[in-house]
Amino acid sequence: MTSINAAPMLTYAWHAWVSVPGEGRAFAHGTVTVPVSFCWDRVTREVGSWLGSQGATGRLADIHLILAPHAGRSH
């Protein structure tokens, strides 16, 4: 029998005002689940990196995180 211990994770809700090429300013929001070992700045960079991969630009200081321990769980 093999046992796999998954790293404990935390979920954050986030929102930010970003710029979208050809569209202007937009309000973006979502959730991100990361290992508990990630510091606040690392989580912000992860969200910023994802936004950049979607073509949006903005400042990391404009990304607001909220610890959301029940996000994505069904009751």
Protein backbone atom coordinates (compact mmCIF):
# COMPACT_ATOMS: atom_id res chain seq x y z
CA MET A 1 0.00 0.00 0.00
CA THR A 2 1.34 3.41 -0.93
CA SER A 3 0.40 6.51 1.01
CA ILE A 4 0.68 9.96 -0.51
CA ASN A 5 0.54 12.92 1.83
CA ALA A 6 -0.65 16.00 0.01
CA ALA A 7 0.72 19.33 1.14
CA PRO A 8 -1.79 21.42 3.12
CA MET A 9 -3.36 24.09 0.92
CA LEU A 10 -5.03 27.47 1.43
CA THR A 11 -7.53 29.17 -0.85
CA TYR A 12 -7.64 32.93 -1.36
CA ALA A 13 -10.26 35.00 -3.13
CA TRP A 14 -8.70 37.86 -5.09
CA HIS A 15 -9.78 40.91 -7.06
CA ALA A 16 -7.96 43.59 -9.02
CA TRP A 17 -8.40 46.37 -11.54
CA VAL A 18 -6.36 45.49 -14.63
CA SER A 19 -5.82 46.81 -18.15
CA VAL A 20 -6.86 44.64 -21.06
CA PRO A 21 -5.40 45.50 -24.48
CA GLY A 22 -8.13 46.82 -26.77
CA GLU A 23 -10.67 46.89 -23.93
CA GLY A 24 -9.31 49.33 -21.32
CA ARG A 25 -9.70 48.86 -17.58
CA ALA A 26 -11.52 45.82 -16.24
CA PHE A 27 -12.36 44.37 -12.85
CA ALA A 28 -11.01 40.84 -12.49
CA HIS A 29 -11.65 38.38 -9.68
CA GLY A 30 -11.27 34.72 -8.84
CA THR A 31 -9.81 32.24 -6.40
CA VAL A 32 -6.39 30.68 -6.12
CA THR A 33 -5.36 27.63 -4.09
CA VAL A 34 -1.73 27.44 -3.03
CA PRO A 35 0.42 25.52 -0.51
CA VAL A 36 0.28 26.97 3.01
CA SER A 37 4.02 27.60 2.72
CA PHE A 38 3.42 30.39 0.17
CA CYS A 39 3.81 33.85 1.71
CA TRP A 40 1.33 36.65 0.90
CA ASP A 41 3.71 38.15 -1.68
CA ARG A 42 4.16 34.80 -3.42
CA VAL A 43 0.38 34.36 -3.70
CA THR A 44 0.09 37.87 -5.15
CA ARG A 45 2.82 37.08 -7.70
CA GLU A 46 1.04 33.84 -8.67
CA VAL A 47 -2.18 35.78 -9.36
CA GLY A 48 -0.23 38.48 -11.23
CA SER A 49 1.48 35.85 -13.35
CA TRP A 50 -1.83 34.25 -14.23
CA LEU A 51 -3.36 37.63 -15.13
CA GLY A 52 -0.36 38.33 -17.36
CA SER A 53 -0.78 34.98 -19.11
CA GLN A 54 -4.36 36.05 -19.90
CA GLY A 55 -3.12 39.26 -21.54
CA ALA A 56 -4.01 41.61 -18.67
CA THR A 57 -1.56 44.08 -17.17
CA GLY A 58 -1.59 45.78 -13.81
CA ARG A 59 0.37 46.41 -10.67
CA LEU A 60 0.91 43.76 -8.02
CA ALA A 61 -0.10 46.38 -5.44
CA ASP A 62 -3.57 46.47 -7.07
CA ILE A 63 -4.24 42.78 -6.38
CA HIS A 64 -6.22 42.30 -3.18
CA LEU A 65 -6.27 38.91 -1.45
CA ILE A 66 -8.82 37.59 1.03
CA LEU A 67 -8.29 34.31 2.84
CA ALA A 68 -11.24 32.17 1.79
CA PRO A 69 -11.00 28.81 3.57
CA HIS A 70 -14.35 27.56 2.21
CA ALA A 71 -14.03 28.78 -1.40
CA GLY A 72 -14.74 26.07 -3.93
CA ARG A 73 -16.13 23.59 -1.40
CA SER A 74 -19.64 22.31 -1.75
CA HIS A 75 -21.75 21.96 1.37
